[in-house]
C-alpha cells in the first residue's frame, strides 16, 4: 500500500522559515514526478511546486524565490523549503506523487497528473 507522509508543518511568524518533508512508502518513486500542493480554508487546492525524476523543477509564480522543492531518490523523500513566509501562505500542504516521471515544466502543475496524495500538514503563518 502506497503511503505519502508529510511532516514539518507548524506555526511560524511572518518572515520565518519551515521545511516540509514527505516520505513515500509502499513503492519507490525515484522515477516519478512528485509535488507539493496547498489548500487554504475556503479555497481550492492549488499547486505549489513539482519536481520530476531528473530534478527538473516547476514552481508557482507567487512562491518563486521563497520556496524550493528538492528530492532524494534514494530516500524516497521530497522536501519543500519555505522561506520569507507570509500569512497568505497559511494552508494545509499536501505531498503528491505521479505514476510517471517524464513530465516537466507547467505540466507538473496539473493536479490531474498526480495519483497518490498524503494526508497533509498544517502550516500557519502569523502576522
Foldseek 3Di string as FASTA:
>chain_A
DKAKAKDWADEEAQQAKIKMKIAIDPDAQLQWKKFKWWDDPPGDIFGAKIAFNVGAIDGDPVQPPFWDWDDDRVRRMIMIIGGSDDQVVWTWMKMFIAPHRPDHDPVSGDPVRTDDIHPTDTHGYHD
